[in-house]
Amino acid sequence: MTTFIMLTRLSHQALQSPASLEKLSHEVIRRIRSDCPGVEWKASYVVLGPSDYVDIFTAPDVVTATKVATIIRTFGHATTEVWPATAWSDFVQIARTMPPAIIPQA
């Protein structure tokens, strides 16, 4: 399974009332569960900055992660960015197998 980090920013049209956000999230979760088997939600955060939310989830492939982002966009009138992520421990293992850079001598 690949880990994905998704940044979401809701449009003003999606923010009818604070109470509507909870209902919207339940509907989005239901749709993702039915349309994207194999997706496992790891964490969700509300953040201050250019994005409103950061979600971390795993999915079997990038096509499934794209479906998750598309569902979020259509339900929440939102923009999303989805990034594949590699755990630091896995990156260290990858880096150990790579040859050193060859720097030409002047």
N, C-alpha and C. Protein backbone atom coordinates (compact mmCIF):
# COMPACT_ATOMS: atom_id res chain seq x y z
N MET A 1 0.85 -1.18 0.00
CA MET A 1 0.00 0.00 0.00
C MET A 1 0.89 1.24 0.00
N THR A 2 0.48 2.22 -0.75
CA THR A 2 1.19 3.48 -0.81
C THR A 2 0.52 4.49 0.11
N THR A 3 1.33 5.27 0.80
CA THR A 3 0.81 6.34 1.65
C THR A 3 0.69 7.61 0.81
N PHE A 4 -0.42 8.32 1.01
CA PHE A 4 -0.67 9.57 0.31
C PHE A 4 -0.99 10.66 1.32
N ILE A 5 -0.50 11.86 1.03
CA ILE A 5 -0.81 13.05 1.81
C ILE A 5 -1.71 13.91 0.91
N MET A 6 -2.87 14.31 1.43
CA MET A 6 -3.79 15.12 0.63
C MET A 6 -4.07 16.44 1.35
N LEU A 7 -3.82 17.53 0.63
CA LEU A 7 -4.17 18.86 1.11
C LEU A 7 -5.49 19.26 0.46
N THR A 8 -6.42 19.79 1.26
CA THR A 8 -7.73 20.18 0.73
C THR A 8 -8.05 21.60 1.16
N ARG A 9 -8.58 22.35 0.22
CA ARG A 9 -9.08 23.69 0.52
C ARG A 9 -10.52 23.75 0.01
N LEU A 10 -11.44 24.03 0.92
CA LEU A 10 -12.85 24.14 0.55
C LEU A 10 -13.14 25.50 -0.05
N SER A 11 -14.08 25.52 -1.00
CA SER A 11 -14.51 26.80 -1.56
C SER A 11 -15.54 27.43 -0.61
N HIS A 12 -15.82 28.68 -0.81
CA HIS A 12 -16.80 29.38 0.02
C HIS A 12 -18.20 28.78 -0.14
N GLN A 13 -18.49 28.21 -1.32
CA GLN A 13 -19.80 27.61 -1.55
C GLN A 13 -20.01 26.39 -0.65
N ALA A 14 -18.94 25.72 -0.28
CA ALA A 14 -19.07 24.52 0.55
C ALA A 14 -19.29 24.86 2.01
N LEU A 15 -18.97 26.07 2.39
CA LEU A 15 -19.04 26.46 3.79
C LEU A 15 -20.33 27.20 4.11
N GLN A 16 -21.44 26.50 4.04
CA GLN A 16 -22.73 27.12 4.32
C GLN A 16 -22.89 27.39 5.81
N SER A 17 -22.45 26.47 6.64
CA SER A 17 -22.46 26.66 8.09
C SER A 17 -21.46 25.69 8.70
N PRO A 18 -20.93 26.00 9.86
CA PRO A 18 -19.99 25.08 10.51
C PRO A 18 -20.61 23.69 10.73
N ALA A 19 -21.88 23.63 11.07
CA ALA A 19 -22.53 22.34 11.31
C ALA A 19 -22.62 21.51 10.04
N SER A 20 -22.68 22.14 8.89
CA SER A 20 -22.79 21.40 7.64
C SER A 20 -21.50 20.65 7.31
N LEU A 21 -20.38 21.07 7.87
CA LEU A 21 -19.11 20.40 7.59
C LEU A 21 -19.11 18.97 8.11
N GLU A 22 -19.69 18.74 9.26
CA GLU A 22 -19.72 17.39 9.81
C GLU A 22 -20.58 16.47 8.94
N LYS A 23 -21.73 16.96 8.51
CA LYS A 23 -22.60 16.17 7.63
C LYS A 23 -21.89 15.87 6.32
N LEU A 24 -21.24 16.87 5.76
CA LEU A 24 -20.50 16.70 4.52
C LEU A 24 -19.41 15.63 4.68
N SER A 25 -18.68 15.67 5.78
CA SER A 25 -17.60 14.70 5.98
C SER A 25 -18.14 13.27 6.08
N HIS A 26 -19.30 13.08 6.72
CA HIS A 26 -19.89 11.74 6.81
C HIS A 26 -20.29 11.21 5.43
N GLU A 27 -20.83 12.08 4.59
CA GLU A 27 -21.21 11.66 3.25
C GLU A 27 -20.00 11.34 2.40
N VAL A 28 -18.94 12.12 2.54
CA VAL A 28 -17.72 11.87 1.79
C VAL A 28 -17.11 10.54 2.22
N ILE A 29 -17.05 10.29 3.51
CA ILE A 29 -16.49 9.03 4.02
C ILE A 29 -17.28 7.84 3.50
N ARG A 30 -18.60 7.94 3.53
CA ARG A 30 -19.45 6.85 3.03
C ARG A 30 -19.15 6.57 1.56
N ARG A 31 -19.02 7.60 0.78
CA ARG A 31 -18.76 7.45 -0.66
C ARG A 31 -17.38 6.86 -0.91
N ILE A 32 -16.37 7.31 -0.18
CA ILE A 32 -15.03 6.77 -0.36
C ILE A 32 -15.01 5.28 0.01
N ARG A 33 -15.67 4.92 1.10
CA ARG A 33 -15.71 3.51 1.51
C ARG A 33 -16.37 2.64 0.44
N SER A 34 -17.43 3.15 -0.20
CA SER A 34 -18.12 2.32 -1.19
C SER A 34 -17.41 2.31 -2.55
N ASP A 35 -16.77 3.41 -2.94
CA ASP A 35 -16.18 3.51 -4.27
C ASP A 35 -14.68 3.23 -4.33
N CYS A 36 -14.02 3.21 -3.18
CA CYS A 36 -12.56 3.07 -3.16
C CYS A 36 -12.13 1.98 -2.19
N PRO A 37 -12.41 0.73 -2.52
CA PRO A 37 -12.01 -0.34 -1.61
C PRO A 37 -10.49 -0.36 -1.44
N GLY A 38 -10.07 -0.68 -0.26
CA GLY A 38 -8.65 -0.75 0.02
C GLY A 38 -8.07 0.53 0.58
N VAL A 39 -8.84 1.61 0.58
CA VAL A 39 -8.35 2.87 1.15
C VAL A 39 -8.50 2.81 2.67
N GLU A 40 -7.44 3.17 3.35
CA GLU A 40 -7.46 3.21 4.81
C GLU A 40 -7.03 4.60 5.27
N TRP A 41 -7.91 5.25 6.01
CA TRP A 41 -7.62 6.59 6.52
C TRP A 41 -6.71 6.47 7.73
N LYS A 42 -5.61 7.22 7.74
CA LYS A 42 -4.65 7.18 8.84
C LYS A 42 -4.82 8.36 9.78
N ALA A 43 -5.05 9.56 9.23
CA ALA A 43 -5.17 10.75 10.07
C ALA A 43 -5.79 11.88 9.27
N SER A 44 -6.46 12.79 9.98
CA SER A 44 -7.02 14.01 9.39
C SER A 44 -6.75 15.16 10.33
N TYR A 45 -6.35 16.29 9.77
CA TYR A 45 -6.04 17.48 10.56
C TYR A 45 -6.65 18.71 9.91
N VAL A 46 -7.15 19.60 10.74
CA VAL A 46 -7.52 20.94 10.31
C VAL A 46 -6.26 21.78 10.51
N VAL A 47 -5.90 22.56 9.49
CA VAL A 47 -4.65 23.34 9.57
C VAL A 47 -4.91 24.80 9.24
N LEU A 48 -4.03 25.63 9.71
CA LEU A 48 -4.06 27.05 9.38
C LEU A 48 -3.03 27.28 8.29
N GLY A 49 -3.43 27.95 7.23
CA GLY A 49 -2.52 28.18 6.12
C GLY A 49 -3.30 28.15 4.82
N PRO A 50 -2.62 27.91 3.72
CA PRO A 50 -3.31 27.93 2.43
C PRO A 50 -4.30 26.77 2.25
N SER A 51 -4.14 25.69 3.01
CA SER A 51 -5.08 24.57 2.96
C SER A 51 -5.92 24.56 4.22
N ASP A 52 -7.10 23.95 4.14
CA ASP A 52 -7.97 23.82 5.30
C ASP A 52 -7.74 22.51 6.04
N TYR A 53 -7.39 21.46 5.28
CA TYR A 53 -7.25 20.13 5.86
C TYR A 53 -6.03 19.42 5.30
N VAL A 54 -5.45 18.55 6.11
CA VAL A 54 -4.42 17.61 5.68
C VAL A 54 -4.91 16.22 6.07
N ASP A 55 -4.99 15.34 5.09
CA ASP A 55 -5.40 13.96 5.35
C ASP A 55 -4.27 13.03 4.93
N ILE A 56 -4.10 11.96 5.69
CA ILE A 56 -3.12 10.93 5.37
C ILE A 56 -3.88 9.63 5.23
N PHE A 57 -3.69 8.96 4.09
CA PHE A 57 -4.37 7.70 3.85
C PHE A 57 -3.47 6.78 3.03
N THR A 58 -3.80 5.50 3.05
CA THR A 58 -3.11 4.55 2.18
C THR A 58 -4.10 4.06 1.14
N ALA A 59 -3.56 3.75 -0.02
CA ALA A 59 -4.37 3.24 -1.13
C ALA A 59 -3.53 2.25 -1.92
N PRO A 60 -4.19 1.34 -2.61
CA PRO A 60 -3.44 0.34 -3.36
C PRO A 60 -2.65 0.89 -4.54
N ASP A 61 -3.09 2.04 -5.08
CA ASP A 61 -2.41 2.60 -6.25
C ASP A 61 -2.81 4.06 -6.43
N VAL A 62 -2.14 4.71 -7.38
CA VAL A 62 -2.40 6.13 -7.63
C VAL A 62 -3.78 6.36 -8.24
N VAL A 63 -4.29 5.41 -8.99
CA VAL A 63 -5.64 5.55 -9.56
C VAL A 63 -6.67 5.65 -8.44
N THR A 64 -6.54 4.81 -7.43
CA THR A 64 -7.47 4.85 -6.30
C THR A 64 -7.32 6.17 -5.54
N ALA A 65 -6.10 6.63 -5.34
CA ALA A 65 -5.88 7.92 -4.67
C ALA A 65 -6.50 9.06 -5.47
N THR A 66 -6.44 8.97 -6.78
CA THR A 66 -7.07 9.97 -7.65
C THR A 66 -8.59 9.96 -7.47
N LYS A 67 -9.16 8.77 -7.34
CA LYS A 67 -10.61 8.67 -7.10
C LYS A 67 -10.98 9.33 -5.77
N VAL A 68 -10.16 9.11 -4.74
CA VAL A 68 -10.42 9.75 -3.45
C VAL A 68 -10.43 11.27 -3.61
N ALA A 69 -9.42 11.81 -4.26
CA ALA A 69 -9.35 13.26 -4.46
C ALA A 69 -10.53 13.78 -5.27
N THR A 70 -10.96 13.02 -6.27
CA THR A 70 -12.09 13.43 -7.11
C THR A 70 -13.38 13.46 -6.30
N ILE A 71 -13.57 12.47 -5.44
CA ILE A 71 -14.76 12.46 -4.58
C ILE A 71 -14.75 13.68 -3.67
N ILE A 72 -13.62 13.98 -3.07
CA ILE A 72 -13.50 15.16 -2.20
C ILE A 72 -13.86 16.41 -2.98
N ARG A 73 -13.33 16.54 -4.19
CA ARG A 73 -13.58 17.73 -5.00
C ARG A 73 -15.06 17.89 -5.35
N THR A 74 -15.71 16.79 -5.71
CA THR A 74 -17.11 16.92 -6.14
C THR A 74 -18.05 17.15 -4.97
N PHE A 75 -17.80 16.51 -3.84
CA PHE A 75 -18.68 16.69 -2.69
C PHE A 75 -18.43 18.02 -2.00
N GLY A 76 -17.18 18.38 -1.85
CA GLY A 76 -16.85 19.53 -1.03
C GLY A 76 -16.60 20.82 -1.78
N HIS A 77 -16.81 20.81 -3.10
CA HIS A 77 -16.48 22.00 -3.89
C HIS A 77 -15.10 22.47 -3.46
N ALA A 78 -14.13 21.58 -3.59
CA ALA A 78 -12.81 21.81 -3.04
C ALA A 78 -11.73 21.66 -4.09
N THR A 79 -10.56 22.13 -3.75
CA THR A 79 -9.35 21.84 -4.52
C THR A 79 -8.50 20.91 -3.65
N THR A 80 -7.80 20.02 -4.30
CA THR A 80 -6.96 19.07 -3.56
C THR A 80 -5.59 18.97 -4.22
N GLU A 81 -4.62 18.61 -3.41
CA GLU A 81 -3.29 18.20 -3.88
C GLU A 81 -3.03 16.86 -3.22
N VAL A 82 -2.58 15.90 -4.00
CA VAL A 82 -2.29 14.58 -3.45
C VAL A 82 -0.83 14.25 -3.75
N TRP A 83 -0.11 13.91 -2.70
CA TRP A 83 1.31 13.59 -2.82
C TRP A 83 1.56 12.17 -2.33
N PRO A 84 2.24 11.34 -3.13
CA PRO A 84 2.68 10.05 -2.59
C PRO A 84 3.80 10.32 -1.59
N ALA A 85 3.84 9.53 -0.53
CA ALA A 85 4.83 9.76 0.52
C ALA A 85 5.58 8.46 0.82
N THR A 86 6.85 8.60 1.14
CA THR A 86 7.69 7.47 1.52
C THR A 86 8.10 7.66 2.97
N ALA A 87 7.91 6.64 3.78
CA ALA A 87 8.32 6.72 5.18
C ALA A 87 9.83 6.92 5.25
N TRP A 88 10.27 7.67 6.24
CA TRP A 88 11.69 7.97 6.38
C TRP A 88 12.53 6.69 6.45
N SER A 89 12.09 5.71 7.21
CA SER A 89 12.85 4.46 7.34
C SER A 89 12.99 3.75 5.99
N ASP A 90 11.96 3.80 5.16
CA ASP A 90 12.04 3.21 3.82
C ASP A 90 13.00 4.00 2.94
N PHE A 91 12.96 5.33 3.05
CA PHE A 91 13.86 6.17 2.28
C PHE A 91 15.31 5.89 2.63
N VAL A 92 15.59 5.72 3.91
CA VAL A 92 16.96 5.43 4.34
C VAL A 92 17.45 4.14 3.69
N GLN A 93 16.60 3.13 3.65
CA GLN A 93 16.97 1.86 3.01
C GLN A 93 17.25 2.06 1.51
N ILE A 94 16.42 2.85 0.85
CA ILE A 94 16.62 3.14 -0.57
C ILE A 94 17.95 3.87 -0.77
N ALA A 95 18.19 4.88 0.05
CA ALA A 95 19.41 5.69 -0.09
C ALA A 95 20.67 4.86 0.12
N ARG A 96 20.62 3.89 1.01
CA ARG A 96 21.78 3.04 1.28
C ARG A 96 22.19 2.21 0.06
N THR A 97 21.25 1.93 -0.81
CA THR A 97 21.56 1.10 -1.99
C THR A 97 21.99 1.92 -3.19
N MET A 98 21.94 3.24 -3.09
CA MET A 98 22.27 4.08 -4.23
C MET A 98 23.77 4.37 -4.26
N PRO A 99 24.36 4.42 -5.45
CA PRO A 99 25.78 4.74 -5.54
C PRO A 99 26.00 6.22 -5.23
N PRO A 100 27.21 6.57 -4.80
CA PRO A 100 27.50 7.99 -4.53
C PRO A 100 27.50 8.78 -5.84
N ALA A 101 27.29 10.06 -5.71
CA ALA A 101 27.32 10.95 -6.89
C ALA A 101 28.75 11.02 -7.41
N ILE A 102 28.87 11.09 -8.70
CA ILE A 102 30.19 11.25 -9.32
C ILE A 102 30.35 12.72 -9.66
N ILE A 103 31.29 13.34 -8.99
CA ILE A 103 31.54 14.78 -9.20
C ILE A 103 32.81 14.91 -10.02
N PRO A 104 32.68 15.52 -11.20
CA PRO A 104 33.89 15.66 -12.05
C PRO A 104 34.93 16.54 -11.37
N GLN A 105 36.18 16.13 -11.50
CA GLN A 105 37.30 16.91 -10.96
C GLN A 105 37.66 17.99 -11.93
N ALA A 106 37.88 19.18 -11.42
CA ALA A 106 38.24 20.31 -12.31
C ALA A 106 39.71 20.35 -12.55
